[in-house]
C-alpha atoms as a PDB file:
ATOM      1  CA  MET A   1       9.623 -12.260 -11.752  1.00  0.00           C
ATOM      2  CA  SER A   2       7.240 -13.862  -9.285  1.00  0.00           C
ATOM      3  CA  GLY A   3       9.236 -12.970  -6.180  1.00  0.00           C
ATOM      4  CA  PHE A   4      11.963 -14.239  -3.878  1.00  0.00           C
ATOM      5  CA  GLN A   5      11.515 -17.241  -1.605  1.00  0.00           C
ATOM      6  CA  ASN A   6      12.967 -18.377   1.742  1.00  0.00           C
ATOM      7  CA  GLN A   7      15.329 -16.403   3.961  1.00  0.00           C
ATOM      8  CA  LEU A   8      17.670 -14.162   1.993  1.00  0.00           C
ATOM      9  CA  ASN A   9      21.094 -12.755   2.827  1.00  0.00           C
ATOM     10  CA  PHE A  10      21.572  -8.991   2.786  1.00  0.00           C
ATOM     11  CA  ALA A  11      24.559  -6.693   2.999  1.00  0.00           C
ATOM     12  CA  LEU A  12      24.246  -2.981   3.748  1.00  0.00           C
ATOM     13  CA  ILE A  13      26.372  -0.002   2.682  1.00  0.00           C
ATOM     14  CA  GLY A  14      26.111   3.144   4.810  1.00  0.00           C
ATOM     15  CA  ALA A  15      25.307   1.571   8.170  1.00  0.00           C
ATOM     16  CA  ALA A  16      26.054   4.726  10.182  1.00  0.00           C
ATOM     17  CA  GLY A  17      23.680   6.913   8.189  1.00  0.00           C
ATOM     18  CA  TYR A  18      20.331   8.373   9.227  1.00  0.00           C
ATOM     19  CA  ILE A  19      18.232   6.098   7.029  1.00  0.00           C
ATOM     20  CA  ALA A  20      20.095   2.808   7.631  1.00  0.00           C
ATOM     21  CA  PRO A  21      18.014   1.704  10.669  1.00  0.00           C
ATOM     22  CA  ARG A  22      14.870   1.727   8.518  1.00  0.00           C
ATOM     23  CA  HIS A  23      16.559  -0.686   6.131  1.00  0.00           C
ATOM     24  CA  MET A  24      17.769  -2.917   8.972  1.00  0.00           C
ATOM     25  CA  LYS A  25      14.241  -2.955  10.367  1.00  0.00           C
ATOM     26  CA  ALA A  26      12.800  -3.813   6.948  1.00  0.00           C
ATOM     27  CA  ILE A  27      15.279  -6.660   6.476  1.00  0.00           C
ATOM     28  CA  LYS A  28      14.356  -7.996   9.928  1.00  0.00           C
ATOM     29  CA  GLU A  29      10.610  -7.604   9.488  1.00  0.00           C
ATOM     30  CA  THR A  30      10.620  -9.399   6.134  1.00  0.00           C
ATOM     31  CA  GLY A  31      12.287 -12.414   7.771  1.00  0.00           C
ATOM     32  CA  ASN A  32      15.709 -12.012   6.203  1.00  0.00           C
ATOM     33  CA  ASN A  33      19.281 -11.775   7.474  1.00  0.00           C
ATOM     34  CA  LEU A  34      21.903  -9.016   7.383  1.00  0.00           C
ATOM     35  CA  ILE A  35      25.283 -10.706   7.206  1.00  0.00           C
ATOM     36  CA  ALA A  36      27.631  -7.807   6.395  1.00  0.00           C
ATOM     37  CA  ALA A  37      27.677  -4.019   6.676  1.00  0.00           C
ATOM     38  CA  LEU A  38      30.023  -1.265   5.523  1.00  0.00           C
ATOM     39  CA  ASP A  39      30.666   2.287   6.695  1.00  0.00           C
ATOM     40  CA  PRO A  40      33.887   4.317   7.029  1.00  0.00           C
ATOM     41  CA  PHE A  41      32.497   5.543  10.363  1.00  0.00           C
ATOM     42  CA  ASP A  42      32.302   2.987  13.149  1.00  0.00           C
ATOM     43  CA  SER A  43      29.425   4.496  15.171  1.00  0.00           C
ATOM     44  CA  VAL A  44      27.157   1.650  14.164  1.00  0.00           C
ATOM     45  CA  GLY A  45      25.949   0.238  17.476  1.00  0.00           C
ATOM     46  CA  ILE A  46      22.424   0.336  16.018  1.00  0.00           C
ATOM     47  CA  ILE A  47      23.315  -2.937  14.264  1.00  0.00           C
ATOM     48  CA  ASP A  48      23.097  -4.682  17.657  1.00  0.00           C
ATOM     49  CA  SER A  49      19.379  -3.883  17.789  1.00  0.00           C
ATOM     50  CA  PHE A  50      18.798  -5.939  14.655  1.00  0.00           C
ATOM     51  CA  PHE A  51      21.703  -8.160  13.555  1.00  0.00           C
ATOM     52  CA  PRO A  52      24.507  -8.339  16.145  1.00  0.00           C
ATOM     53  CA  GLN A  53      26.165 -11.233  14.278  1.00  0.00           C
ATOM     54  CA  ALA A  54      26.669  -9.215  11.074  1.00  0.00           C
ATOM     55  CA  ASP A  55      30.245  -8.721   9.921  1.00  0.00           C
ATOM     56  CA  PHE A  56      31.293  -5.072   9.772  1.00  0.00           C
ATOM     57  CA  PHE A  57      33.823  -3.318   7.527  1.00  0.00           C
ATOM     58  CA  ILE A  58      35.146   0.236   7.384  1.00  0.00           C
ATOM     59  CA  GLU A  59      36.979  -0.257   4.069  1.00  0.00           C
ATOM     60  CA  THR A  60      35.131  -0.750   0.790  1.00  0.00           C
ATOM     61  CA  GLU A  61      37.903  -2.947  -0.621  1.00  0.00           C
ATOM     62  CA  ARG A  62      37.664  -5.474   2.228  1.00  0.00           C
ATOM     63  CA  PHE A  63      33.856  -5.424   2.106  1.00  0.00           C
ATOM     64  CA  ASP A  64      33.976  -6.078  -1.655  1.00  0.00           C
ATOM     65  CA  ARG A  65      36.440  -8.932  -1.102  1.00  0.00           C
ATOM     66  CA  HIS A  66      34.184 -10.423   1.579  1.00  0.00           C
ATOM     67  CA  LEU A  67      31.181 -10.435  -0.759  1.00  0.00           C
ATOM     68  CA  ASP A  68      33.310 -11.950  -3.517  1.00  0.00           C
ATOM     69  CA  LYS A  69      34.565 -14.735  -1.217  1.00  0.00           C
ATOM     70  CA  LEU A  70      31.011 -15.533  -0.111  1.00  0.00           C
ATOM     71  CA  ARG A  71      29.897 -15.680  -3.731  1.00  0.00           C
ATOM     72  CA  ARG A  72      32.727 -17.978  -4.764  1.00  0.00           C
ATOM     73  CA  SER A  73      32.340 -20.276  -1.765  1.00  0.00           C
ATOM     74  CA  GLY A  74      28.640 -20.800  -2.372  1.00  0.00           C
ATOM     75  CA  ASN A  75      28.169 -20.526   1.377  1.00  0.00           C
ATOM     76  CA  GLY A  76      26.259 -17.421   2.445  1.00  0.00           C
ATOM     77  CA  HIS A  77      26.092 -15.734  -0.964  1.00  0.00           C
ATOM     78  CA  VAL A  78      24.589 -12.238  -0.664  1.00  0.00           C
ATOM     79  CA  ASP A  79      21.248 -11.901  -2.450  1.00  0.00           C
ATOM     80  CA  PHE A  80      20.726  -8.157  -1.929  1.00  0.00           C
ATOM     81  CA  VAL A  81      22.834  -5.137  -1.068  1.00  0.00           C
ATOM     82  CA  SER A  82      20.959  -2.240   0.553  1.00  0.00           C
ATOM     83  CA  ILE A  83      22.571   1.104  -0.296  1.00  0.00           C
ATOM     84  CA  CYS A  84      22.267   3.991   2.162  1.00  0.00           C
ATOM     85  CA  SER A  85      25.518   5.766   1.292  1.00  0.00           C
ATOM     86  CA  PRO A  86      25.944   9.435   0.221  1.00  0.00           C
ATOM     87  CA  ASN A  87      24.140  10.227  -3.006  1.00  0.00           C
ATOM     88  CA  TYR A  88      27.229  10.660  -5.168  1.00  0.00           C
ATOM     89  CA  LEU A  89      28.401   7.132  -4.299  1.00  0.00           C
ATOM     90  CA  HIS A  90      25.167   5.344  -5.208  1.00  0.00           C
ATOM     91  CA  ASP A  91      26.254   4.631  -8.788  1.00  0.00           C
ATOM     92  CA  ALA A  92      29.538   3.024  -7.689  1.00  0.00           C
ATOM     93  CA  HIS A  93      27.902   1.018  -4.909  1.00  0.00           C
ATOM     94  CA  ILE A  94      25.159  -0.270  -7.204  1.00  0.00           C
ATOM     95  CA  ARG A  95      27.860  -1.483  -9.593  1.00  0.00           C
ATOM     96  CA  LEU A  96      29.740  -3.131  -6.711  1.00  0.00           C
ATOM     97  CA  SER A  97      26.559  -4.974  -5.758  1.00  0.00           C
ATOM     98  CA  LEU A  98      25.772  -6.309  -9.200  1.00  0.00           C
ATOM     99  CA  ARG A  99      29.391  -7.321  -9.819  1.00  0.00           C
ATOM    100  CA  ASN A 100      29.012  -9.539  -6.762  1.00  0.00           C
ATOM    101  CA  GLU A 101      25.849 -11.070  -8.258  1.00  0.00           C
ATOM    102  CA  ALA A 102      23.566  -9.348  -5.747  1.00  0.00           C
ATOM    103  CA  ASN A 103      20.477  -7.286  -6.478  1.00  0.00           C
ATOM    104  CA  ALA A 104      20.643  -3.665  -5.290  1.00  0.00           C
ATOM    105  CA  ILE A 105      18.103  -1.764  -3.197  1.00  0.00           C
ATOM    106  CA  CYS A 106      19.077   1.891  -3.266  1.00  0.00           C
ATOM    107  CA  GLU A 107      17.854   5.008  -1.498  1.00  0.00           C
ATOM    108  CA  LYS A 108      16.816   8.092  -3.469  1.00  0.00           C
ATOM    109  CA  PRO A 109      18.206   9.543  -5.608  1.00  0.00           C
ATOM    110  CA  LEU A 110      19.225   6.410  -7.450  1.00  0.00           C
ATOM    111  CA  ILE A 111      21.969   8.482  -9.104  1.00  0.00           C
ATOM    112  CA  LEU A 112      22.612  12.210  -9.564  1.00  0.00           C
ATOM    113  CA  ASN A 113      23.062  12.442 -13.333  1.00  0.00           C
ATOM    114  CA  PRO A 114      20.457  10.905 -15.667  1.00  0.00           C
ATOM    115  CA  TRP A 115      22.965   9.972 -18.378  1.00  0.00           C
ATOM    116  CA  ASN A 116      24.379   7.282 -16.067  1.00  0.00           C
ATOM    117  CA  LEU A 117      21.089   5.361 -16.064  1.00  0.00           C
ATOM    118  CA  ALA A 118      21.904   3.656 -19.376  1.00  0.00           C
ATOM    119  CA  GLY A 119      25.103   2.232 -17.913  1.00  0.00           C
ATOM    120  CA  LEU A 120      23.197   0.745 -14.990  1.00  0.00           C
ATOM    121  CA  GLU A 121      20.639  -0.801 -17.337  1.00  0.00           C
ATOM    122  CA  GLU A 122      23.506  -2.381 -19.268  1.00  0.00           C
ATOM    123  CA  ILE A 123      24.951  -3.901 -16.090  1.00  0.00           C
ATOM    124  CA  GLU A 124      21.516  -5.290 -15.208  1.00  0.00           C
ATOM    125  CA  LYS A 125      21.429  -7.083 -18.561  1.00  0.00           C
ATOM    126  CA  GLU A 126      24.998  -8.360 -18.190  1.00  0.00           C
ATOM    127  CA  THR A 127      24.512  -9.753 -14.680  1.00  0.00           C
ATOM    128  CA  GLY A 128      20.850 -10.732 -14.711  1.00  0.00           C
ATOM    129  CA  LYS A 129      20.444  -8.862 -11.399  1.00  0.00           C
ATOM    130  CA  LYS A 130      18.020  -6.040 -10.654  1.00  0.00           C
ATOM    131  CA  ILE A 131      18.327  -2.505  -9.330  1.00  0.00           C
ATOM    132  CA  TYR A 132      15.479  -1.247  -7.145  1.00  0.00           C
ATOM    133  CA  ASN A 133      14.886   2.297  -5.904  1.00  0.00           C
ATOM    134  CA  ILE A 134      13.147   3.094  -2.618  1.00  0.00           C
ATOM    135  CA  LEU A 135      10.227   5.339  -3.618  1.00  0.00           C
ATOM    136  CA  GLN A 136       8.379   5.013  -0.349  1.00  0.00           C
ATOM    137  CA  LEU A 137       5.826   7.799  -0.839  1.00  0.00           C
ATOM    138  CA  ARG A 138       4.275   5.706  -3.605  1.00  0.00           C
ATOM    139  CA  HIS A 139       3.310   3.228  -0.880  1.00  0.00           C
ATOM    140  CA  HIS A 140       1.690   5.809   1.410  1.00  0.00           C
ATOM    141  CA  PRO A 141      -2.078   5.081   1.607  1.00  0.00           C
ATOM    142  CA  THR A 142      -3.059   8.736   1.122  1.00  0.00           C
ATOM    143  CA  ILE A 143      -0.807   9.080  -1.931  1.00  0.00           C
ATOM    144  CA  ILE A 144      -2.131   5.857  -3.446  1.00  0.00           C
ATOM    145  CA  GLU A 145      -5.683   7.134  -2.978  1.00  0.00           C
ATOM    146  CA  LEU A 146      -4.720  10.425  -4.630  1.00  0.00           C
ATOM    147  CA  LYS A 147      -3.248   8.662  -7.646  1.00  0.00           C
ATOM    148  CA  ASN A 148      -6.312   6.471  -8.046  1.00  0.00           C
ATOM    149  CA  ARG A 149      -8.580   9.515  -7.818  1.00  0.00           C
ATOM    150  CA  PHE A 150      -6.691  11.603 -10.367  1.00  0.00           C
ATOM    151  CA  ASP A 151      -6.271   8.640 -12.693  1.00  0.00           C
ATOM    152  CA  ARG A 152     -10.076   8.437 -12.759  1.00  0.00           C
ATOM    153  CA  LEU A 153     -10.314  12.184 -13.450  1.00  0.00           C
ATOM    154  CA  ALA A 154      -7.655  12.202 -16.162  1.00  0.00           C
ATOM    155  CA  GLU A 155     -10.145  12.225 -19.007  1.00  0.00           C
ATOM    156  CA  ASP A 156     -11.527  15.644 -18.048  1.00  0.00           C
ATOM    157  CA  GLY A 157      -8.292  17.243 -19.244  1.00  0.00           C
ATOM    158  CA  LYS A 158      -8.098  19.647 -16.309  1.00  0.00           C
ATOM    159  CA  ILE A 159      -4.721  21.099 -15.324  1.00  0.00           C
ATOM    160  CA  HIS A 160      -4.651  21.107 -11.528  1.00  0.00           C
ATOM    161  CA  ASP A 161      -3.002  23.793  -9.396  1.00  0.00           C
ATOM    162  CA  ILE A 162      -0.670  22.448  -6.722  1.00  0.00           C
ATOM    163  CA  ARG A 163       1.298  24.249  -4.029  1.00  0.00           C
ATOM    164  CA  LEU A 164       4.067  22.257  -2.345  1.00  0.00           C
ATOM    165  CA  THR A 165       5.737  23.633   0.786  1.00  0.00           C
ATOM    166  CA  TYR A 166       8.352  21.597   2.642  1.00  0.00           C
ATOM    167  CA  ILE A 167      10.508  23.081   5.385  1.00  0.00           C
ATOM    168  CA  THR A 168      12.697  20.744   7.405  1.00  0.00           C
ATOM    169  CA  SER A 169      15.080  22.426   9.843  1.00  0.00           C
ATOM    170  CA  ARG A 170      18.752  21.508   9.685  1.00  0.00           C
ATOM    171  CA  GLY A 171      21.559  22.732  11.922  1.00  0.00           C
ATOM    172  CA  LYS A 172      25.042  23.992  11.024  1.00  0.00           C
ATOM    173  CA  TRP A 173      26.388  20.411  10.866  1.00  0.00           C
ATOM    174  CA  TYR A 174      24.397  19.815   7.686  1.00  0.00           C
ATOM    175  CA  TYR A 175      26.480  22.238   5.635  1.00  0.00           C
ATOM    176  CA  TYR A 176      29.757  20.710   6.825  1.00  0.00           C
ATOM    177  CA  SER A 177      28.606  17.201   5.886  1.00  0.00           C
ATOM    178  CA  TRP A 178      28.363  15.682   2.404  1.00  0.00           C
ATOM    179  CA  LYS A 179      24.698  16.742   2.380  1.00  0.00           C
ATOM    180  CA  GLY A 180      25.694  20.399   2.204  1.00  0.00           C
ATOM    181  CA  ASP A 181      27.933  19.823  -0.830  1.00  0.00           C
ATOM    182  CA  ILE A 182      25.856  20.118  -4.018  1.00  0.00           C
ATOM    183  CA  TYR A 183      28.355  17.950  -5.914  1.00  0.00           C
ATOM    184  CA  LYS A 184      27.860  15.113  -3.430  1.00  0.00           C
ATOM    185  CA  SER A 185      24.177  15.430  -2.512  1.00  0.00           C
ATOM    186  CA  GLY A 186      22.685  17.352  -5.419  1.00  0.00           C
ATOM    187  CA  GLY A 187      21.692  20.157  -3.056  1.00  0.00           C
ATOM    188  CA  VAL A 188      18.420  20.842  -1.296  1.00  0.00           C
ATOM    189  CA  VAL A 189      16.285  20.144  -4.397  1.00  0.00           C
ATOM    190  CA  THR A 190      17.748  16.670  -4.843  1.00  0.00           C
ATOM    191  CA  ASN A 191      18.362  15.681  -1.247  1.00  0.00           C
ATOM    192  CA  VAL A 192      14.951  16.591   0.189  1.00  0.00           C
ATOM    193  CA  GLY A 193      12.849  17.499  -2.838  1.00  0.00           C
ATOM    194  CA  ILE A 194      13.142  14.374  -4.959  1.00  0.00           C
ATOM    195  CA  HIS A 195      10.679  12.496  -2.702  1.00  0.00           C
ATOM    196  CA  PHE A 196       7.928  14.964  -3.582  1.00  0.00           C
ATOM    197  CA  PHE A 197       8.850  15.474  -7.225  1.00  0.00           C
ATOM    198  CA  ASP A 198       8.736  11.713  -7.728  1.00  0.00           C
ATOM    199  CA  MET A 199       5.365  11.448  -6.037  1.00  0.00           C
ATOM    200  CA  LEU A 200       3.801  14.377  -7.920  1.00  0.00           C
ATOM    201  CA  SER A 201       5.103  13.318 -11.339  1.00  0.00           C
ATOM    202  CA  TRP A 202       3.899   9.757 -10.615  1.00  0.00           C
ATOM    203  CA  ILE A 203       0.386  11.132 -10.126  1.00  0.00           C
ATOM    204  CA  PHE A 204       0.279  14.073 -12.537  1.00  0.00           C
ATOM    205  CA  GLY A 205       2.463  12.952 -15.415  1.00  0.00           C
ATOM    206  CA  GLU A 206       5.643  13.868 -17.214  1.00  0.00           C
ATOM    207  CA  LEU A 207       7.496  17.157 -17.010  1.00  0.00           C
ATOM    208  CA  LYS A 208       6.612  19.775 -19.620  1.00  0.00           C
ATOM    209  CA  ASN A 209       8.548  22.781 -18.325  1.00  0.00           C
ATOM    210  CA  SER A 210      10.440  24.050 -15.289  1.00  0.00           C
ATOM    211  CA  THR A 211      11.072  27.568 -13.985  1.00  0.00           C
ATOM    212  CA  VAL A 212      13.280  28.358 -10.981  1.00  0.00           C
ATOM    213  CA  HIS A 213      12.546  31.509  -8.946  1.00  0.00           C
ATOM    214  CA  LEU A 214      14.961  30.994  -6.061  1.00  0.00           C
ATOM    215  CA  LYS A 215      18.075  28.874  -5.679  1.00  0.00           C
ATOM    216  CA  GLU A 216      20.197  29.178  -2.553  1.00  0.00           C
ATOM    217  CA  LYS A 217      22.201  26.726  -0.477  1.00  0.00           C
ATOM    218  CA  SER A 218      19.443  26.297   2.124  1.00  0.00           C
ATOM    219  CA  LYS A 219      16.300  26.868   0.043  1.00  0.00           C
ATOM    220  CA  ALA A 220      14.865  26.831  -3.452  1.00  0.00           C
ATOM    221  CA  SER A 221      11.582  27.549  -5.189  1.00  0.00           C
ATOM    222  CA  GLY A 222      10.068  27.325  -8.628  1.00  0.00           C
ATOM    223  CA  LEU A 223       7.267  26.142 -10.873  1.00  0.00           C
ATOM    224  CA  LEU A 224       6.941  22.716 -12.480  1.00  0.00           C
ATOM    225  CA  GLN A 225       4.523  22.252 -15.347  1.00  0.00           C
ATOM    226  CA  LEU A 226       3.500  18.610 -15.467  1.00  0.00           C
ATOM    227  CA  GLN A 227       1.173  16.919 -17.911  1.00  0.00           C
ATOM    228  CA  LYS A 228      -1.834  17.300 -15.581  1.00  0.00           C
ATOM    229  CA  ALA A 229      -0.737  19.930 -13.030  1.00  0.00           C
ATOM    230  CA  ASN A 230       1.192  23.115 -12.400  1.00  0.00           C
ATOM    231  CA  VAL A 231       3.249  22.737  -9.221  1.00  0.00           C
ATOM    232  CA  SER A 232       4.425  25.830  -7.348  1.00  0.00           C
ATOM    233  CA  TRP A 233       7.067  24.543  -4.915  1.00  0.00           C
ATOM    234  CA  PHE A 234       9.155  25.845  -2.026  1.00  0.00           C
ATOM    235  CA  LEU A 235      11.804  23.791  -0.199  1.00  0.00           C
ATOM    236  CA  SER A 236      13.850  24.986   2.756  1.00  0.00           C
ATOM    237  CA  LEU A 237      16.273  23.765   5.425  1.00  0.00           C
ATOM    238  CA  ASP A 238      16.048  27.080   7.309  1.00  0.00           C
ATOM    239  CA  ARG A 239      14.009  27.015  10.525  1.00  0.00           C
ATOM    240  CA  ASN A 240      13.360  30.744  10.080  1.00  0.00           C
ATOM    241  CA  ASP A 241      11.048  29.832   7.208  1.00  0.00           C
ATOM    242  CA  LEU A 242       8.732  27.771   9.432  1.00  0.00           C
ATOM    243  CA  PRO A 243       5.206  29.240   9.584  1.00  0.00           C
ATOM    244  CA  ALA A 244       3.935  30.592  12.894  1.00  0.00           C
ATOM    245  CA  LYS A 245       1.573  27.638  13.414  1.00  0.00           C
ATOM    246  CA  ALA A 246       4.521  25.226  13.276  1.00  0.00           C
ATOM    247  CA  VAL A 247       6.656  27.362  15.596  1.00  0.00           C
ATOM    248  CA  GLU A 248       3.814  27.591  18.118  1.00  0.00           C
ATOM    249  CA  LYS A 249       3.667  23.787  18.268  1.00  0.00           C
ATOM    250  CA  ASN A 250       7.469  23.555  18.553  1.00  0.00           C
ATOM    251  CA  LEU A 251       7.661  21.643  15.282  1.00  0.00           C
ATOM    252  CA  THR A 252      10.902  21.534  13.311  1.00  0.00           C
ATOM    253  CA  THR A 253       9.296  20.337  10.074  1.00  0.00           C
ATOM    254  CA  TYR A 254       6.383  21.718   8.073  1.00  0.00           C
ATOM    255  CA  ARG A 255       4.901  19.808   5.155  1.00  0.00           C
ATOM    256  CA  SER A 256       2.003  21.027   3.042  1.00  0.00           C
ATOM    257  CA  ILE A 257       0.533  20.055  -0.299  1.00  0.00           C
ATOM    258  CA  GLN A 258      -2.505  21.909  -1.606  1.00  0.00           C
ATOM    259  CA  ILE A 259      -4.282  20.614  -4.680  1.00  0.00           C
ATOM    260  CA  ASP A 260      -6.820  23.025  -6.180  1.00  0.00           C
ATOM    261  CA  ASP A 261      -6.749  24.944  -2.838  1.00  0.00           C
ATOM    262  CA  LYS A 262      -7.523  21.809  -0.821  1.00  0.00           C
ATOM    263  CA  GLU A 263      -4.956  20.711   1.764  1.00  0.00           C
ATOM    264  CA  ILE A 264      -3.807  17.101   1.499  1.00  0.00           C
ATOM    265  CA  GLU A 265      -3.016  15.616   4.900  1.00  0.00           C
ATOM    266  CA  PHE A 266      -0.344  12.939   4.913  1.00  0.00           C
ATOM    267  CA  SER A 267       1.840  13.838   7.896  1.00  0.00           C
ATOM    268  CA  GLY A 268       1.462  10.377   9.424  1.00  0.00           C
ATOM    269  CA  GLY A 269       1.952   6.862   8.114  1.00  0.00           C
ATOM    270  CA  PHE A 270       5.647   7.144   7.231  1.00  0.00           C
ATOM    271  CA  THR A 271       7.250   4.871   9.813  1.00  0.00           C
ATOM    272  CA  ASP A 272       6.722   1.521   8.088  1.00  0.00           C
ATOM    273  CA  LEU A 273       7.038   2.505   4.433  1.00  0.00           C
ATOM    274  CA  HIS A 274      10.509   1.011   4.040  1.00  0.00           C
ATOM    275  CA  THR A 275       9.215  -2.351   5.237  1.00  0.00           C
ATOM    276  CA  VAL A 276       6.351  -2.066   2.748  1.00  0.00           C
ATOM    277  CA  SER A 277       8.884  -1.198   0.032  1.00  0.00           C
ATOM    278  CA  TYR A 278      10.945  -4.297   0.862  1.00  0.00           C
ATOM    279  CA  LYS A 279       7.872  -6.516   0.831  1.00  0.00           C
ATOM    280  CA  GLU A 280       6.980  -5.232  -2.626  1.00  0.00           C
ATOM    281  CA  ILE A 281      10.526  -5.750  -3.905  1.00  0.00           C
ATOM    282  CA  LEU A 282      10.687  -9.280  -2.524  1.00  0.00           C
ATOM    283  CA  SER A 283       7.330 -10.019  -4.151  1.00  0.00           C
ATOM    284  CA  GLY A 284       8.713  -8.966  -7.537  1.00  0.00           C
ATOM    285  CA  ARG A 285       6.929  -5.597  -7.621  1.00  0.00           C
ATOM    286  CA  GLY A 286       9.744  -3.189  -6.727  1.00  0.00           C
ATOM    287  CA  TYR A 287      10.371   0.137  -8.440  1.00  0.00           C
ATOM    288  CA  SER A 288      12.950  -0.042 -11.208  1.00  0.00           C
ATOM    289  CA  ILE A 289      15.437   2.239 -12.944  1.00  0.00           C
ATOM    290  CA  ASN A 290      12.694   3.290 -15.336  1.00  0.00           C
ATOM    291  CA  ASP A 291      10.400   4.259 -12.444  1.00  0.00           C
ATOM    292  CA  ALA A 292      13.135   6.446 -10.928  1.00  0.00           C
ATOM    293  CA  LYS A 293      14.102   8.127 -14.192  1.00  0.00           C
ATOM    294  CA  GLN A 294      11.641  11.036 -14.303  1.00  0.00           C
ATOM    295  CA  SER A 295      12.361  12.417 -10.822  1.00  0.00           C
ATOM    296  CA  ILE A 296      16.115  12.192 -11.486  1.00  0.00           C
ATOM    297  CA  GLU A 297      15.637  14.190 -14.693  1.00  0.00           C
ATOM    298  CA  ILE A 298      13.454  16.775 -12.910  1.00  0.00           C
ATOM    299  CA  VAL A 299      15.908  17.521 -10.100  1.00  0.00           C
ATOM    300  CA  HIS A 300      18.865  17.492 -12.505  1.00  0.00           C
ATOM    301  CA  ARG A 301      17.125  20.067 -14.677  1.00  0.00           C
ATOM    302  CA  ILE A 302      16.297  22.300 -11.696  1.00  0.00           C
ATOM    303  CA  ARG A 303      19.834  21.957 -10.345  1.00  0.00           C
ATOM    304  CA  ASN A 304      21.256  23.263 -13.618  1.00  0.00           C
ATOM    305  CA  GLN A 305      18.785  26.114 -14.174  1.00  0.00           C
ATOM    306  CA  GLU A 306      19.430  29.756 -13.356  1.00  0.00           C
ATOM    307  CA  ALA A 307      16.892  31.513 -11.143  1.00  0.00           C
ATOM    308  CA  SER A 308      14.651  33.943 -13.025  1.00  0.00           C
ATOM    309  CA  ALA A 309      12.587  36.913 -11.887  1.00  0.00           C
ATOM    310  CA  LYS A 310       9.478  36.356  -9.795  1.00  0.00           C
ATOM    311  CA  THR A 311       6.884  36.365 -12.520  1.00  0.00           C
ATOM    312  CA  GLY A 312       3.826  34.268 -13.178  1.00  0.00           C
ATOM    313  CA  ASP A 313       2.720  31.653 -10.672  1.00  0.00           C
ATOM    314  CA  TYR A 314       5.505  31.836  -8.097  1.00  0.00           C
ATOM    315  CA  HIS A 315       5.227  30.468  -4.545  1.00  0.00           C
ATOM    316  CA  PRO A 316       3.785  33.056  -2.096  1.00  0.00           C
ATOM    317  CA  TYR A 317       6.528  32.303   0.456  1.00  0.00           C
ATOM    318  CA  LEU A 318       8.898  34.259  -1.783  1.00  0.00           C
ATOM    319  CA  ASN A 319       7.084  37.451  -0.788  1.00  0.00           C
ATOM    320  CA  THR A 320       8.282  37.017   2.809  1.00  0.00           C
ATOM    321  CA  LEU A 321      11.998  36.525   2.026  1.00  0.00           C
END
């Protein structure tokens, strides 16, 4: 596929969500048009900042009917549906999109359970439409440079030591929302960890083994053995886990990746990555089901593992809990 031409029509599912404005901005900045949006919650005034003329629906059935009528009329057919809904609904909303002869652009995780990927591939073949996953860290300049560097070093056969620490504070609301329900979000490992597991497996290769040392509602930790690296990881939503240097600066998020004891700095450069992702998709270079598969399998495996004793190369943060 060489890419998409001219102004395209988009619809968006999950317009009231945290990530939706980044998608609206990307649609706007790539010169395209949002013509319809869906969310059961009507606090969507953000649409006015981008596409005030977009139709808005709070019921999936009426949104689906609207897309179907546009398709049948030949006037204003939707080319893409951007999916920013809760994780457990992604599969259904992707199917809704392709049934309406629209390509799908979906947030991570593409789906929660890896065995559903085959069904989505089948629908792609049936409809001739494509499913794209937003894997924005793969577009971050520092991450691209890292991949290029370690691709060059691959022949030395070295297994690198990586320590991933990601703490992003969340209030009580989080656990009352769908994000706090492991059956809807996949839990902390899926909801906030999949970004990093995708990025690290993209650079350091396929999963060989996984050990889980801690698994709680607000935090988790373990060891991933990848083809070219051992990754000791710690993820937390608890502000009490923030290191002193973050607290002193009044930061609510702490992100650290050390590779062979060297800190990798990539705290900036995130704001425009969705627009970059859209540009790549519209140029025919978007990330596919196959690209998303490994990270989905990694987080699914972790989610279904029991925590074992702290032995071997466990994350040092566990000594403070």
